[in-house]
Amino acid sequence: MKKIDFQQFNTLATGIISGIVLPIIVYFILYYSKVQDVRFTLFSNRLVIGNIIPVLISHCVLPNLILFFLFNGLNWTQAMKGVLGTTVVLTVFIFSIKLIFSVL
């Protein structure tokens, strides 16, 4: 029986992909747990109108912290860098959205 070497997943691409996919999954979980009777496009439009997008994205990025510590425990430094980079980019995006909405 061949043993699987999970160390091959210790790449920057693994961290970036998981750092992007996990917030999207959390976004859909929040959507389906909070509003089931509203269409997805209407839900997104209400978020834009109510200036709630930065708060929702912030909640979606928080699980990246768990992913970061999981990769840290596995000693996957390259994947940690990918998750950290993705989280920083999303945080700058959140800050810029808040700045734009506060000026308008």
N, C-alpha and C. Protein backbone atom coordinates (compact mmCIF):
# COMPACT_ATOMS: atom_id res chain seq x y z
N MET A 1 0.84 -1.18 0.00
CA MET A 1 0.00 0.00 0.00
C MET A 1 0.88 1.24 0.00
N LYS A 2 0.56 2.16 -0.88
CA LYS A 2 1.36 3.37 -1.02
C LYS A 2 0.92 4.40 0.01
N LYS A 3 1.88 4.99 0.69
CA LYS A 3 1.61 6.00 1.69
C LYS A 3 1.50 7.37 1.03
N ILE A 4 0.49 8.13 1.41
CA ILE A 4 0.27 9.45 0.82
C ILE A 4 1.13 10.47 1.57
N ASP A 5 1.88 11.24 0.81
CA ASP A 5 2.72 12.29 1.39
C ASP A 5 1.96 13.61 1.33
N PHE A 6 1.40 14.01 2.46
CA PHE A 6 0.62 15.25 2.51
C PHE A 6 1.50 16.49 2.46
N GLN A 7 2.81 16.31 2.60
CA GLN A 7 3.72 17.45 2.55
C GLN A 7 3.73 18.08 1.16
N GLN A 8 3.27 17.34 0.16
CA GLN A 8 3.22 17.90 -1.20
C GLN A 8 2.20 19.03 -1.32
N PHE A 9 1.27 19.13 -0.36
CA PHE A 9 0.28 20.20 -0.37
C PHE A 9 0.78 21.46 0.32
N ASN A 10 2.00 21.43 0.80
CA ASN A 10 2.59 22.60 1.45
C ASN A 10 3.12 23.55 0.38
N THR A 11 2.19 24.17 -0.33
CA THR A 11 2.57 25.11 -1.38
C THR A 11 1.84 26.43 -1.17
N LEU A 12 2.37 27.46 -1.80
CA LEU A 12 1.75 28.77 -1.73
C LEU A 12 0.37 28.75 -2.39
N ALA A 13 0.24 27.98 -3.47
CA ALA A 13 -1.04 27.88 -4.17
C ALA A 13 -2.11 27.25 -3.28
N THR A 14 -1.74 26.25 -2.49
CA THR A 14 -2.70 25.63 -1.57
C THR A 14 -3.21 26.65 -0.57
N GLY A 15 -2.33 27.48 -0.04
CA GLY A 15 -2.74 28.50 0.92
C GLY A 15 -3.61 29.57 0.30
N ILE A 16 -3.26 30.00 -0.91
CA ILE A 16 -4.05 31.04 -1.58
C ILE A 16 -5.43 30.52 -1.93
N ILE A 17 -5.50 29.33 -2.51
CA ILE A 17 -6.79 28.76 -2.90
C ILE A 17 -7.67 28.52 -1.69
N SER A 18 -7.10 27.93 -0.63
CA SER A 18 -7.91 27.69 0.56
C SER A 18 -8.29 28.98 1.27
N GLY A 19 -7.43 30.00 1.19
CA GLY A 19 -7.73 31.29 1.79
C GLY A 19 -8.80 32.06 1.04
N ILE A 20 -9.04 31.72 -0.22
CA ILE A 20 -10.12 32.34 -0.99
C ILE A 20 -11.39 31.52 -0.90
N VAL A 21 -11.26 30.20 -0.99
CA VAL A 21 -12.44 29.33 -1.01
C VAL A 21 -13.16 29.30 0.34
N LEU A 22 -12.43 29.28 1.43
CA LEU A 22 -13.07 29.20 2.75
C LEU A 22 -13.97 30.41 3.04
N PRO A 23 -13.56 31.66 2.78
CA PRO A 23 -14.50 32.77 2.98
C PRO A 23 -15.74 32.70 2.08
N ILE A 24 -15.59 32.18 0.87
CA ILE A 24 -16.75 32.03 -0.02
C ILE A 24 -17.72 31.01 0.55
N ILE A 25 -17.19 29.90 1.06
CA ILE A 25 -18.04 28.88 1.68
C ILE A 25 -18.75 29.45 2.90
N VAL A 26 -18.04 30.21 3.71
CA VAL A 26 -18.66 30.82 4.90
C VAL A 26 -19.73 31.82 4.49
N TYR A 27 -19.50 32.56 3.39
CA TYR A 27 -20.50 33.51 2.90
C TYR A 27 -21.80 32.79 2.53
N PHE A 28 -21.68 31.68 1.82
CA PHE A 28 -22.87 30.93 1.44
C PHE A 28 -23.55 30.29 2.65
N ILE A 29 -22.78 29.85 3.63
CA ILE A 29 -23.36 29.31 4.85
C ILE A 29 -24.13 30.40 5.59
N LEU A 30 -23.57 31.60 5.67
CA LEU A 30 -24.28 32.71 6.31
C LEU A 30 -25.54 33.07 5.55
N TYR A 31 -25.46 33.04 4.23
CA TYR A 31 -26.63 33.36 3.41
C TYR A 31 -27.75 32.35 3.64
N TYR A 32 -27.41 31.06 3.58
CA TYR A 32 -28.44 30.04 3.72
C TYR A 32 -28.94 29.89 5.15
N SER A 33 -28.14 30.28 6.13
CA SER A 33 -28.60 30.16 7.51
C SER A 33 -29.45 31.36 7.94
N LYS A 34 -29.23 32.51 7.32
CA LYS A 34 -29.97 33.71 7.73
C LYS A 34 -31.19 33.97 6.87
N VAL A 35 -31.03 33.93 5.56
CA VAL A 35 -32.12 34.29 4.67
C VAL A 35 -32.31 33.19 3.64
N GLN A 36 -33.32 32.40 3.83
CA GLN A 36 -33.57 31.31 2.89
C GLN A 36 -34.64 31.68 1.87
N ASP A 37 -35.50 32.63 2.19
CA ASP A 37 -36.61 32.94 1.30
C ASP A 37 -36.30 34.07 0.33
N VAL A 38 -35.15 34.69 0.43
CA VAL A 38 -34.77 35.80 -0.45
C VAL A 38 -33.79 35.29 -1.50
N ARG A 39 -33.99 35.72 -2.75
CA ARG A 39 -33.07 35.32 -3.80
C ARG A 39 -31.67 35.86 -3.51
N PHE A 40 -30.68 35.18 -4.04
CA PHE A 40 -29.29 35.55 -3.77
C PHE A 40 -28.96 36.95 -4.29
N THR A 41 -29.45 37.30 -5.47
CA THR A 41 -29.15 38.63 -6.02
C THR A 41 -29.80 39.73 -5.19
N LEU A 42 -31.01 39.49 -4.73
CA LEU A 42 -31.69 40.48 -3.89
C LEU A 42 -30.96 40.62 -2.55
N PHE A 43 -30.49 39.49 -2.02
CA PHE A 43 -29.72 39.51 -0.78
C PHE A 43 -28.45 40.34 -0.95
N SER A 44 -27.75 40.16 -2.06
CA SER A 44 -26.53 40.91 -2.33
C SER A 44 -26.82 42.39 -2.53
N ASN A 45 -27.93 42.72 -3.22
CA ASN A 45 -28.29 44.12 -3.40
C ASN A 45 -28.61 44.79 -2.08
N ARG A 46 -29.28 44.09 -1.18
CA ARG A 46 -29.58 44.64 0.14
C ARG A 46 -28.31 44.90 0.94
N LEU A 47 -27.31 44.05 0.76
CA LEU A 47 -26.03 44.26 1.44
C LEU A 47 -25.35 45.52 0.94
N VAL A 48 -25.43 45.76 -0.37
CA VAL A 48 -24.81 46.96 -0.94
C VAL A 48 -25.53 48.20 -0.47
N ILE A 49 -26.86 48.17 -0.50
CA ILE A 49 -27.64 49.34 -0.09
C ILE A 49 -27.45 49.64 1.39
N GLY A 50 -27.39 48.60 2.21
CA GLY A 50 -27.28 48.80 3.65
C GLY A 50 -25.86 48.97 4.16
N ASN A 51 -24.89 49.00 3.25
CA ASN A 51 -23.47 49.13 3.63
C ASN A 51 -23.05 48.05 4.62
N ILE A 52 -23.54 46.85 4.43
CA ILE A 52 -23.25 45.74 5.33
C ILE A 52 -22.14 44.85 4.78
N ILE A 53 -21.73 45.09 3.55
CA ILE A 53 -20.74 44.23 2.91
C ILE A 53 -19.44 44.14 3.71
N PRO A 54 -18.86 45.24 4.19
CA PRO A 54 -17.60 45.11 4.95
C PRO A 54 -17.74 44.25 6.20
N VAL A 55 -18.87 44.35 6.87
CA VAL A 55 -19.08 43.54 8.07
C VAL A 55 -19.18 42.07 7.71
N LEU A 56 -19.92 41.77 6.65
CA LEU A 56 -20.10 40.38 6.23
C LEU A 56 -18.78 39.78 5.75
N ILE A 57 -18.01 40.54 4.98
CA ILE A 57 -16.72 40.03 4.50
C ILE A 57 -15.78 39.81 5.69
N SER A 58 -15.84 40.68 6.68
CA SER A 58 -15.01 40.51 7.87
C SER A 58 -15.34 39.20 8.57
N HIS A 59 -16.63 38.89 8.67
CA HIS A 59 -17.02 37.63 9.29
C HIS A 59 -16.61 36.43 8.44
N CYS A 60 -16.58 36.61 7.15
CA CYS A 60 -16.18 35.51 6.26
C CYS A 60 -14.68 35.26 6.30
N VAL A 61 -13.89 36.30 6.61
CA VAL A 61 -12.44 36.15 6.62
C VAL A 61 -11.95 35.54 7.94
N LEU A 62 -12.72 35.65 9.00
CA LEU A 62 -12.30 35.12 10.30
C LEU A 62 -11.93 33.63 10.29
N PRO A 63 -12.64 32.76 9.56
CA PRO A 63 -12.21 31.35 9.54
C PRO A 63 -10.82 31.12 8.95
N ASN A 64 -10.29 32.11 8.22
CA ASN A 64 -8.90 31.97 7.74
C ASN A 64 -7.92 31.90 8.91
N LEU A 65 -8.30 32.45 10.05
CA LEU A 65 -7.46 32.36 11.24
C LEU A 65 -7.33 30.90 11.68
N ILE A 66 -8.43 30.18 11.66
CA ILE A 66 -8.40 28.75 12.01
C ILE A 66 -7.54 27.99 11.01
N LEU A 67 -7.71 28.32 9.73
CA LEU A 67 -6.92 27.66 8.70
C LEU A 67 -5.43 27.97 8.86
N PHE A 68 -5.11 29.20 9.23
CA PHE A 68 -3.72 29.59 9.46
C PHE A 68 -3.11 28.76 10.60
N PHE A 69 -3.84 28.62 11.70
CA PHE A 69 -3.32 27.85 12.82
C PHE A 69 -3.26 26.35 12.51
N LEU A 70 -4.16 25.86 11.66
CA LEU A 70 -4.09 24.46 11.23
C LEU A 70 -2.82 24.22 10.43
N PHE A 71 -2.54 25.11 9.49
CA PHE A 71 -1.32 24.98 8.70
C PHE A 71 -0.07 25.17 9.56
N ASN A 72 -0.17 26.02 10.59
CA ASN A 72 0.94 26.20 11.51
C ASN A 72 1.21 24.92 12.29
N GLY A 73 0.14 24.26 12.74
CA GLY A 73 0.31 23.01 13.47
C GLY A 73 0.89 21.91 12.61
N LEU A 74 0.58 21.93 11.32
CA LEU A 74 1.13 20.94 10.39
C LEU A 74 2.52 21.32 9.91
N ASN A 75 2.98 22.51 10.31
CA ASN A 75 4.29 23.04 9.90
C ASN A 75 4.37 23.22 8.38
N TRP A 76 3.26 23.70 7.80
CA TRP A 76 3.20 23.99 6.38
C TRP A 76 3.41 25.49 6.20
N THR A 77 4.65 25.91 6.17
CA THR A 77 4.95 27.34 6.14
C THR A 77 4.53 28.00 4.83
N GLN A 78 4.67 27.31 3.72
CA GLN A 78 4.29 27.90 2.44
C GLN A 78 2.78 28.11 2.36
N ALA A 79 2.01 27.14 2.82
CA ALA A 79 0.55 27.29 2.82
C ALA A 79 0.13 28.40 3.79
N MET A 80 0.86 28.53 4.91
CA MET A 80 0.57 29.61 5.86
C MET A 80 0.77 30.97 5.19
N LYS A 81 1.82 31.10 4.40
CA LYS A 81 2.08 32.36 3.70
C LYS A 81 0.95 32.69 2.73
N GLY A 82 0.42 31.68 2.06
CA GLY A 82 -0.68 31.90 1.13
C GLY A 82 -1.94 32.37 1.83
N VAL A 83 -2.28 31.74 2.95
CA VAL A 83 -3.46 32.14 3.72
C VAL A 83 -3.27 33.54 4.27
N LEU A 84 -2.09 33.82 4.80
CA LEU A 84 -1.82 35.14 5.35
C LEU A 84 -1.89 36.22 4.27
N GLY A 85 -1.32 35.95 3.11
CA GLY A 85 -1.37 36.91 2.01
C GLY A 85 -2.79 37.17 1.54
N THR A 86 -3.58 36.12 1.43
CA THR A 86 -4.98 36.27 1.03
C THR A 86 -5.75 37.07 2.06
N THR A 87 -5.50 36.80 3.34
CA THR A 87 -6.19 37.53 4.41
C THR A 87 -5.81 39.00 4.40
N VAL A 88 -4.56 39.30 4.14
CA VAL A 88 -4.13 40.70 4.08
C VAL A 88 -4.80 41.41 2.90
N VAL A 89 -4.86 40.75 1.74
CA VAL A 89 -5.50 41.36 0.58
C VAL A 89 -6.99 41.60 0.86
N LEU A 90 -7.67 40.63 1.46
CA LEU A 90 -9.08 40.80 1.78
C LEU A 90 -9.28 41.90 2.83
N THR A 91 -8.37 42.02 3.77
CA THR A 91 -8.47 43.07 4.78
C THR A 91 -8.29 44.45 4.15
N VAL A 92 -7.36 44.60 3.23
CA VAL A 92 -7.18 45.87 2.52
C VAL A 92 -8.43 46.18 1.70
N PHE A 93 -9.03 45.15 1.09
CA PHE A 93 -10.27 45.32 0.34
C PHE A 93 -11.39 45.81 1.25
N ILE A 94 -11.52 45.22 2.43
CA ILE A 94 -12.54 45.63 3.39
C ILE A 94 -12.31 47.09 3.82
N PHE A 95 -11.06 47.43 4.10
CA PHE A 95 -10.73 48.80 4.51
C PHE A 95 -11.07 49.80 3.40
N SER A 96 -10.77 49.44 2.16
CA SER A 96 -11.06 50.35 1.06
C SER A 96 -12.56 50.50 0.85
N ILE A 97 -13.33 49.43 1.01
CA ILE A 97 -14.79 49.54 0.90
C ILE A 97 -15.33 50.44 1.99
N LYS A 98 -14.85 50.26 3.22
CA LYS A 98 -15.32 51.12 4.31
C LYS A 98 -14.94 52.58 4.05
N LEU A 99 -13.76 52.82 3.52
CA LEU A 99 -13.33 54.18 3.22
C LEU A 99 -14.19 54.79 2.12
N ILE A 100 -14.49 54.03 1.08
CA ILE A 100 -15.32 54.53 -0.01
C ILE A 100 -16.73 54.85 0.48
N PHE A 101 -17.31 53.95 1.26
CA PHE A 101 -18.68 54.18 1.74
C PHE A 101 -18.75 55.31 2.75
N SER A 102 -17.67 55.56 3.49
CA SER A 102 -17.71 56.65 4.46
C SER A 102 -17.59 58.01 3.76
N VAL A 103 -16.92 58.06 2.62
CA VAL A 103 -16.77 59.31 1.87
C VAL A 103 -18.06 59.64 1.14
N LEU A 104 -18.72 58.61 0.61
CA LEU A 104 -19.95 58.85 -0.16
C LEU A 104 -21.08 59.18 0.72
